[in-house]
Protein backbone atom coordinates (compact mmCIF):
# COMPACT_ATOMS: atom_id res chain seq x y z
CA MET A 1 51.47 55.98 -7.51
CA VAL A 2 54.85 54.24 -7.93
CA ARG A 3 55.78 52.47 -11.15
CA ILE A 4 56.88 48.86 -11.47
CA ILE A 5 60.12 48.74 -13.46
CA GLU A 6 60.62 45.52 -15.37
CA LYS A 7 64.04 44.17 -16.32
CA GLU A 8 64.09 45.67 -19.83
CA SER A 9 63.22 49.14 -18.50
CA ILE A 10 65.84 49.28 -15.73
CA PRO A 11 68.60 51.02 -17.76
CA LYS A 12 66.18 53.76 -18.85
CA PHE A 13 64.99 54.26 -15.27
CA LEU A 14 68.55 54.53 -13.94
CA LEU A 15 69.20 57.29 -16.50
CA GLU A 16 66.03 59.06 -15.41
CA ILE A 17 67.11 58.97 -11.78
CA ARG A 18 70.59 60.16 -12.72
CA ASP A 19 69.19 63.08 -14.73
CA ARG A 20 67.01 64.04 -11.77
CA TYR A 21 70.23 64.57 -9.83
CA ILE A 22 71.29 67.36 -12.19
CA GLN A 23 69.79 70.38 -10.46
CA ASP A 24 69.09 73.36 -12.68
CA TYR A 25 71.48 75.75 -10.97
CA ASP A 26 71.72 77.94 -14.06
CA SER A 27 68.20 79.19 -13.37
CA VAL A 28 69.15 80.55 -9.93
CA TYR A 29 72.78 81.58 -10.35
CA SER A 30 71.98 85.09 -11.62
CA LYS A 31 69.90 85.88 -8.51
CA VAL A 32 72.37 84.17 -6.19
CA ASP A 33 75.30 86.09 -7.68
CA GLU A 34 73.41 89.34 -7.20
CA ILE A 35 72.77 88.50 -3.54
CA LEU A 36 76.38 87.47 -2.90
CA LYS A 37 77.70 90.70 -4.42
CA ASP A 38 75.23 92.83 -2.49
CA VAL A 39 76.06 91.22 0.86
CA ARG A 40 79.80 91.40 0.17
CA GLU A 41 79.49 95.15 -0.46
CA ASN A 42 76.66 96.22 1.86
CA LYS A 43 76.94 93.61 4.62
CA ASP A 44 74.24 93.80 7.35
CA LYS A 45 72.11 96.24 5.36
CA ALA A 46 71.83 93.76 2.49
CA VAL A 47 71.25 90.81 4.82
CA LYS A 48 68.31 92.60 6.47
CA LYS A 49 66.91 93.62 3.09
CA TYR A 50 66.83 90.05 1.80
CA THR A 51 65.46 88.72 5.09
CA LYS A 52 62.51 91.07 4.67
CA GLU A 53 62.14 90.20 0.97
CA PHE A 54 62.33 86.40 1.23
CA ASP A 55 61.21 85.63 4.79
CA GLY A 56 58.76 88.52 5.21
CA VAL A 57 60.43 89.55 8.44
CA GLU A 58 61.95 92.92 9.30
CA ILE A 59 64.63 92.34 11.92
CA GLU A 60 66.66 95.03 13.62
CA ASN A 61 68.98 92.77 15.62
CA ILE A 62 69.83 89.66 13.63
CA GLU A 63 71.75 87.92 16.42
CA VAL A 64 69.86 85.75 18.90
CA THR A 65 70.23 87.03 22.47
CA ASP A 66 70.95 85.08 25.64
CA GLU A 67 67.47 86.06 26.83
CA GLU A 68 65.89 84.41 23.78
CA ILE A 69 67.82 81.22 24.46
CA GLU A 70 66.76 81.24 28.12
CA GLU A 71 63.15 81.72 27.05
CA ALA A 72 63.45 78.76 24.70
CA PHE A 73 64.57 76.51 27.54
CA GLU A 74 61.71 77.76 29.71
CA THR A 75 58.98 77.26 27.10
CA ILE A 76 60.04 74.06 25.33
CA ASP A 77 58.02 70.93 26.01
CA ARG A 78 59.87 69.05 28.75
CA GLU A 79 59.53 65.66 27.07
CA LEU A 80 60.91 67.08 23.84
CA LEU A 81 63.81 68.58 25.78
CA ASP A 82 64.58 65.16 27.27
CA THR A 83 64.42 63.61 23.78
CA ILE A 84 66.87 66.17 22.41
CA LYS A 85 69.22 65.47 25.31
CA ARG A 86 69.09 61.71 24.71
CA ALA A 87 69.72 62.21 20.99
CA LYS A 88 72.65 64.47 21.82
CA GLU A 89 74.15 61.73 24.01
CA ASN A 90 73.83 59.12 21.24
CA ILE A 91 75.27 61.42 18.58
CA THR A 92 78.13 62.43 20.87
CA ASN A 93 79.00 58.82 21.74
CA TYR A 94 79.16 57.87 18.07
CA HIS A 95 81.20 60.85 16.90
CA GLU A 96 83.62 60.65 19.83
CA LYS A 97 84.94 57.48 18.19
CA GLN A 98 85.92 59.51 15.10
CA ARG A 99 88.52 61.58 16.96
CA ARG A 100 91.97 61.66 15.33
CA THR A 101 95.21 62.16 17.21
CA GLY A 102 97.75 62.41 14.41
CA PHE A 103 100.95 60.38 14.30
CA GLN A 104 104.74 60.51 14.09
CA PHE A 105 107.26 57.86 13.06
CA LYS A 106 110.92 57.45 12.14
CA PRO A 107 111.76 55.20 9.18
CA GLU A 108 113.97 52.40 10.41
CA GLY A 109 117.67 53.18 10.32
CA LYS A 110 117.23 56.79 9.17
CA ASP A 111 117.45 60.12 11.00
CA ILE A 112 114.12 61.25 9.58
CA LEU A 113 110.94 62.23 11.39
CA LEU A 114 107.61 62.14 9.56
CA GLY A 115 104.16 62.79 10.91
CA GLN A 116 100.73 64.30 10.65
CA ILE A 117 99.38 67.06 12.90
CA ILE A 118 95.62 67.31 13.49
CA ASN A 119 94.16 70.76 14.12
CA PRO A 120 90.52 71.83 14.23
CA ILE A 121 89.18 74.39 11.80
CA GLU A 122 89.03 77.55 13.90
CA LYS A 123 85.67 79.01 12.78
CA VAL A 124 82.80 77.09 11.22
CA GLY A 125 79.37 78.19 10.02
CA ILE A 126 76.36 75.88 10.27
CA TYR A 127 73.32 76.40 8.07
CA VAL A 128 70.05 75.06 9.51
CA PRO A 129 66.82 75.25 7.49
CA GLY A 130 64.17 77.27 9.32
CA GLY A 131 60.93 79.17 8.90
CA LYS A 132 57.97 76.79 8.43
CA ALA A 133 60.15 73.67 8.47
CA SER A 134 62.93 73.65 11.06
CA TYR A 135 65.12 70.78 12.13
CA PRO A 136 66.74 70.60 15.58
CA SER A 137 68.21 67.24 14.51
CA THR A 138 70.27 69.07 11.88
CA VAL A 139 71.63 71.36 14.58
CA LEU A 140 72.85 68.38 16.59
CA MET A 141 74.27 66.54 13.57
CA ASN A 142 76.38 69.55 12.56
CA GLY A 143 77.21 71.14 15.89
CA ILE A 144 78.25 68.06 17.86
CA PRO A 145 80.99 66.76 15.49
CA ALA A 146 82.30 70.32 15.15
CA LYS A 147 82.54 70.62 18.93
CA ILE A 148 84.20 67.21 19.27
CA ALA A 149 86.73 68.21 16.61
CA GLY A 150 87.65 71.21 18.76
CA VAL A 151 86.30 74.03 16.59
CA ASN A 152 86.90 77.24 18.53
CA GLU A 153 83.88 79.19 17.26
CA ILE A 154 80.69 77.66 15.86
CA ILE A 155 78.39 80.16 14.16
CA MET A 156 74.85 79.07 13.25
CA ILE A 157 72.42 80.76 10.89
CA THR A 158 68.77 79.85 10.40
CA PRO A 159 65.84 81.74 8.84
CA PRO A 160 63.34 83.29 11.28
CA MET A 161 59.68 82.37 11.57
CA GLU A 162 56.99 84.87 10.60
CA ASP A 163 57.09 86.43 14.08
CA GLY A 164 60.82 87.07 13.76
CA LYS A 165 61.74 84.39 16.29
CA ILE A 166 63.60 81.10 16.04
CA LYS A 167 61.80 77.90 17.01
CA ASN A 168 62.58 77.03 20.63
CA SER A 169 63.73 73.48 19.78
CA ILE A 170 66.32 74.93 17.37
CA LEU A 171 67.72 77.27 20.03
CA VAL A 172 67.78 74.55 22.68
CA ALA A 173 69.53 72.09 20.37
CA ALA A 174 72.09 74.75 19.42
CA LYS A 175 72.92 75.51 23.03
CA LEU A 176 73.22 71.82 23.92
CA ALA A 177 75.41 71.16 20.85
CA GLY A 178 77.87 73.91 21.81
CA VAL A 179 77.00 76.54 19.18
CA ASP A 180 78.57 79.87 20.15
CA ARG A 181 76.50 82.41 18.21
CA ILE A 182 73.18 82.22 16.35
CA PHE A 183 71.86 84.57 13.66
CA LYS A 184 68.33 84.95 12.29
CA ILE A 185 69.23 84.78 8.63
CA GLY A 186 69.00 82.16 5.92
CA GLY A 187 69.07 81.70 2.18
CA ALA A 188 71.87 82.79 -0.13
CA GLN A 189 72.25 85.97 1.94
CA GLY A 190 73.10 83.88 5.00
CA ILE A 191 75.73 81.91 3.09
CA ALA A 192 77.19 85.19 1.82
CA ALA A 193 77.33 86.61 5.36
CA LEU A 194 79.25 83.56 6.59
CA ALA A 195 81.62 83.55 3.61
CA TYR A 196 82.44 87.27 3.51
CA GLY A 197 81.56 88.47 7.02
CA THR A 198 79.48 91.51 7.91
CA GLU A 199 79.52 94.10 10.69
CA THR A 200 77.67 91.56 12.84
CA VAL A 201 78.30 88.11 11.38
CA PRO A 202 81.89 86.83 11.61
CA ARG A 203 83.52 85.35 8.54
CA VAL A 204 84.02 81.60 8.89
CA TYR A 205 86.44 79.17 7.27
CA LYS A 206 83.95 76.42 6.40
CA ILE A 207 80.17 76.13 5.94
CA THR A 208 78.17 72.96 6.55
CA GLY A 209 74.49 72.09 6.54
CA PRO A 210 71.66 71.54 4.02
CA GLY A 211 69.35 74.03 2.32
CA ASN A 212 67.23 74.67 -0.75
CA ILE A 213 68.59 75.18 -4.27
CA TYR A 214 69.47 78.84 -3.56
CA VAL A 215 71.49 77.82 -0.51
CA ALA A 216 73.16 75.00 -2.47
CA ALA A 217 73.98 77.34 -5.38
CA ALA A 218 75.41 79.93 -2.98
CA LYS A 219 77.58 77.26 -1.33
CA LYS A 220 78.87 76.21 -4.75
CA ARG A 221 79.71 79.82 -5.59
CA VAL A 222 81.63 80.57 -2.38
CA SER A 223 83.44 77.22 -2.34
CA GLY A 224 87.12 78.05 -2.50
CA ILE A 225 86.62 81.27 -0.57
CA VAL A 226 85.49 79.03 2.27
CA GLY A 227 85.27 75.26 2.58
CA ILE A 228 81.92 73.50 2.23
CA ASP A 229 80.81 70.05 3.29
CA MET A 230 78.83 69.02 0.20
CA VAL A 231 76.15 70.24 -2.17
CA ALA A 232 73.18 68.11 -1.19
CA GLY A 233 70.49 67.19 -3.68
CA PRO A 234 66.95 65.91 -3.02
CA SER A 235 66.56 63.20 -0.42
CA GLU A 236 66.38 59.54 -1.41
CA ILE A 237 65.78 56.08 -0.01
CA LEU A 238 66.39 52.68 -1.57
CA ILE A 239 65.07 49.49 0.00
CA ILE A 240 66.20 45.97 -0.87
CA ALA A 241 63.54 43.47 0.22
CA ASP A 242 62.89 39.77 -0.27
CA LYS A 243 59.57 37.93 -0.36
CA LYS A 244 59.37 37.64 3.44
CA ALA A 245 59.59 41.40 4.06
CA ASN A 246 56.64 43.26 5.58
CA PRO A 247 54.93 45.35 2.85
CA SER A 248 53.43 47.81 5.35
CA TYR A 249 56.89 48.56 6.75
CA ILE A 250 58.31 49.05 3.25
CA ALA A 251 55.51 51.42 2.23
CA ALA A 252 55.89 53.46 5.42
CA ASP A 253 59.63 53.79 4.89
CA LEU A 254 59.26 54.82 1.24
CA ILE A 255 56.74 57.48 2.27
CA SER A 256 59.08 58.74 5.02
CA GLN A 257 61.39 60.06 2.31
CA ALA A 258 58.71 61.00 -0.21
CA GLU A 259 57.26 63.56 2.20
CA HIS A 260 60.51 65.57 2.16
CA ASP A 261 59.84 67.17 -1.21
CA GLU A 262 58.49 66.49 -4.68
CA MET A 263 61.99 65.67 -5.99
CA ALA A 264 62.67 62.98 -3.38
CA ALA A 265 63.22 59.48 -4.75
CA SER A 266 61.72 56.44 -3.00
CA ILE A 267 62.75 53.14 -4.60
CA LEU A 268 62.18 49.49 -3.74
CA ILE A 269 64.26 46.76 -5.36
CA THR A 270 62.92 43.23 -4.91
CA ASP A 271 62.92 39.85 -6.59
CA SER A 272 59.31 39.22 -5.50
CA ARG A 273 56.41 40.42 -7.71
CA PRO A 274 53.77 39.52 -5.09
CA LEU A 275 55.60 41.71 -2.55
CA ALA A 276 55.73 44.56 -5.07
CA ASN A 277 51.95 44.40 -5.56
CA GLU A 278 51.31 44.39 -1.80
CA VAL A 279 53.60 47.39 -1.31
CA ILE A 280 51.63 49.38 -3.90
CA LYS A 281 48.40 48.65 -2.01
CA GLU A 282 50.00 49.78 1.24
CA LEU A 283 51.33 52.98 -0.33
CA ASN A 284 47.87 53.93 -1.56
CA ARG A 285 46.40 53.25 1.86
CA GLN A 286 49.03 54.92 4.02
CA VAL A 287 49.83 58.07 2.06
CA LYS A 288 46.32 59.50 2.48
CA LYS A 289 46.78 59.68 6.25
CA LEU A 290 49.77 62.05 6.16
CA SER A 291 49.78 65.75 6.92
CA ARG A 292 52.09 66.18 3.90
CA SER A 293 50.21 63.71 1.68
CA ASN A 294 50.15 66.12 -1.27
CA ILE A 295 53.96 66.35 -1.36
CA ALA A 296 54.42 62.62 -0.78
CA GLU A 297 51.99 61.68 -3.56
CA LYS A 298 53.72 63.95 -6.07
CA SER A 299 57.12 62.59 -5.08
CA LEU A 300 55.96 58.99 -5.43
CA ASN A 301 54.35 59.73 -8.78
CA ASN A 302 57.47 61.49 -10.06
CA TYR A 303 60.32 59.37 -8.71
CA GLY A 304 58.80 56.47 -6.80
CA ALA A 305 59.51 53.06 -8.30
CA ILE A 306 59.62 49.35 -7.62
CA ILE A 307 62.36 47.60 -9.58
CA LEU A 308 61.85 43.90 -10.20
CA ALA A 309 65.28 42.30 -10.06
CA GLU A 310 66.27 38.77 -11.02
CA ASN A 311 67.55 37.85 -7.57
CA ILE A 312 69.11 39.39 -4.46
CA GLU A 313 72.54 39.58 -6.10
CA HIS A 314 70.98 41.67 -8.86
CA CYS A 315 69.39 43.88 -6.19
CA ILE A 316 72.82 44.51 -4.68
CA GLU A 317 74.33 45.30 -8.09
CA LEU A 318 71.61 47.89 -8.79
CA ALA A 319 71.95 49.42 -5.32
CA ASN A 320 75.68 49.93 -5.82
CA GLU A 321 74.98 51.61 -9.15
CA ILE A 322 72.33 53.96 -7.71
CA ALA A 323 74.51 54.69 -4.61
CA PRO A 324 71.61 55.91 -2.46
CA GLU A 325 71.65 58.35 0.44
CA HIS A 326 69.73 55.86 2.62
CA LEU A 327 69.75 52.10 2.01
CA GLU A 328 67.49 49.74 3.97
CA LEU A 329 68.07 45.98 3.86
CA LEU A 330 64.80 44.18 4.66
CA THR A 331 65.98 40.66 3.89
CA GLU A 332 66.55 37.46 5.81
CA LYS A 333 70.32 37.70 5.41
CA ALA A 334 70.80 41.43 5.87
CA PHE A 335 73.96 40.93 7.94
CA ASN A 336 75.58 39.11 5.04
CA ILE A 337 74.29 41.39 2.30
CA TYR A 338 75.52 44.65 3.81
CA LYS A 339 79.13 43.53 3.34
CA LYS A 340 78.57 43.59 -0.41
CA ILE A 341 77.31 47.17 -0.46
CA LYS A 342 80.05 49.50 -1.66
CA ASN A 343 78.12 52.71 -2.36
CA ALA A 344 75.63 54.10 0.18
CA GLY A 345 75.44 57.03 2.56
CA ALA A 346 74.03 54.92 5.41
CA ILE A 347 72.87 51.31 5.64
CA PHE A 348 69.92 50.30 7.85
CA LEU A 349 69.76 46.61 8.79
CA GLY A 350 66.52 44.72 9.38
CA GLU A 351 62.85 45.56 9.72
CA TYR A 352 63.23 47.30 13.07
CA THR A 353 65.77 49.85 11.84
CA PRO A 354 63.77 52.23 9.65
CA GLU A 355 65.50 55.30 8.23
CA PRO A 356 64.07 57.76 10.82
CA VAL A 357 66.07 55.92 13.51
CA GLY A 358 69.18 57.29 11.83
CA ASP A 359 67.67 60.67 11.04
CA TYR A 360 67.02 61.51 14.65
CA PHE A 361 68.41 59.25 17.29
CA ALA A 362 70.84 56.38 16.67
CA GLY A 363 74.03 58.47 16.57
CA PRO A 364 75.56 58.26 13.07
CA ASN A 365 75.29 61.50 11.14
CA HIS A 366 72.21 62.11 9.01
CA THR A 367 73.98 64.58 6.70
CA LEU A 368 74.65 62.10 3.92
CA PRO A 369 75.83 62.17 0.30
CA THR A 370 72.97 62.32 -2.21
CA SER A 371 72.70 62.08 -5.99
CA SER A 372 74.99 59.03 -6.33
CA THR A 373 77.85 60.95 -4.68
CA ALA A 374 78.13 58.09 -2.17
CA LYS A 375 80.37 56.59 -4.83
CA PHE A 376 83.07 59.03 -3.75
CA SER A 377 81.97 60.87 -0.59
CA SER A 378 80.86 60.15 2.95
CA ALA A 379 78.57 61.22 5.76
CA LEU A 380 79.40 64.41 7.65
CA SER A 381 81.83 63.57 10.44
CA VAL A 382 84.44 64.93 12.80
CA ASP A 383 86.86 64.75 9.85
CA ASP A 384 84.93 67.58 8.17
CA PHE A 385 85.94 69.94 10.96
CA ILE A 386 89.67 69.21 11.15
CA LYS A 387 92.76 69.92 9.06
CA LYS A 388 95.69 67.58 8.60
CA THR A 389 99.18 69.10 8.39
CA SER A 390 102.21 67.08 7.34
CA LEU A 391 105.38 67.15 9.50
CA ILE A 392 108.81 66.46 7.95
CA TYR A 393 112.33 66.49 9.41
CA TYR A 394 115.57 65.35 7.68
CA SER A 395 118.94 65.43 9.37
CA ARG A 396 122.10 66.43 7.49
CA GLU A 397 122.97 62.79 6.86
CA ALA A 398 119.45 61.91 5.72
CA LEU A 399 119.41 64.77 3.22
CA LEU A 400 122.78 63.79 1.78
CA GLU A 401 121.61 60.22 1.38
CA SER A 402 118.48 61.29 -0.54
CA ALA A 403 119.96 64.25 -2.44
CA ASP A 404 120.61 62.49 -5.74
CA ASP A 405 117.08 61.10 -5.92
CA ILE A 406 115.50 64.47 -5.17
CA VAL A 407 117.66 66.33 -7.72
CA ARG A 408 116.89 63.68 -10.34
CA PHE A 409 113.14 64.19 -9.82
CA ALA A 410 113.50 67.98 -10.00
CA GLU A 411 115.56 67.91 -13.21
CA ASN A 412 113.16 65.48 -14.85
CA GLU A 413 110.31 67.89 -14.17
CA GLY A 414 112.32 70.87 -15.40
CA LEU A 415 112.29 72.58 -12.00
CA THR A 416 115.94 73.49 -11.65
CA GLY A 417 115.24 75.80 -8.71
CA HIS A 418 113.98 72.85 -6.76
CA GLY A 419 117.11 70.91 -7.63
CA ASN A 420 119.32 73.83 -6.69
CA ALA A 421 117.81 74.01 -3.20
CA ILE A 422 119.24 70.53 -2.69
CA LYS A 423 122.51 71.01 -4.58
CA ILE A 424 123.55 74.11 -2.66
CA ARG A 425 123.24 72.27 0.64
CA ARG A 426 125.05 69.21 -0.68
CA GLU A 427 127.96 71.35 -1.95
CA GLN A 428 128.31 73.19 1.37
CA LEU A 429 128.11 69.98 3.34
């Protein structure tokens, strides 16, 4: 099961975790490039070909119809529908607070106007994993902030199930989140369709949402043609716990990430060896009860670990170095400790706030930076769906007052054309 990492082995383990983050994109780029080129040239024909090849589904009409959405609302479990609606309310309430309004100001004593204009991105594509594993929570976490930002057209793609349909919870979540159009395509071919456009799928300006390594590689390739949110790696959880923490809670929370995939990392950092031993017992007991126990066991064997730190301060230092996607603080003084955390996608405080609370229901976005990228990036938010445009106005007098400084900069950089644009106005004035 998980390893216990002693003090002298911590540097080596941190390197191992870091190297795990380096996905082998080279192995998939040749196939991804072939798919991107084919879809760019052959559009819907290529999309349908790859949908049959990779998903085993032959689809004539790749766009979801209004009738299919109506059927989804009629057939979905009513309690699940209510749950999705409550989650939507929580996610909306949280992201509403991220709205930006822009600003304008005039420097004191000068006839100058400066400002920033906020505009939504006009067309956005959302990728939602589908097929055997489909996630209505991902629909809400991408669609709701886009809608709040004011995106005019939200296009969603998701791979079909074996019967050629989309799971009813996915369709219901999309409708509730404000998605405008839905297409039954996934993989690199879906990313290509969004980036280049086809006869059926409109070209978008930005693509968000998680996917497998082929989806991630395709997003990397089309970045620059369109915007992307991030290139997400395998999921990860890090828990800081002291001697009074509940070992059964810790084990359950480590497993909650381990069941994602065999590359997921589940790490406990503690200053208590007795707690570490109890957590190992709980892991062995709990993992056998899971429907995805095989995946969870492999993940825990590969990248599960318990790091024995010197004290809580050392735990915090290691957490900031690892910069995890999810960070749980199961300590007596969690509300003091969290202020010292500089690098984490999301922080979960106390034993009654396990990571799934954030995944599904609390409100903050669950699309989080992985692979230590929390050192420089953030959770998906309303900001990902807006553009900021600068606004500048100088009066005649303000330009004359600043002319010498601007010309001096231009001449220092060897850009005499820039300087001349100022000089010609100054001479005429």
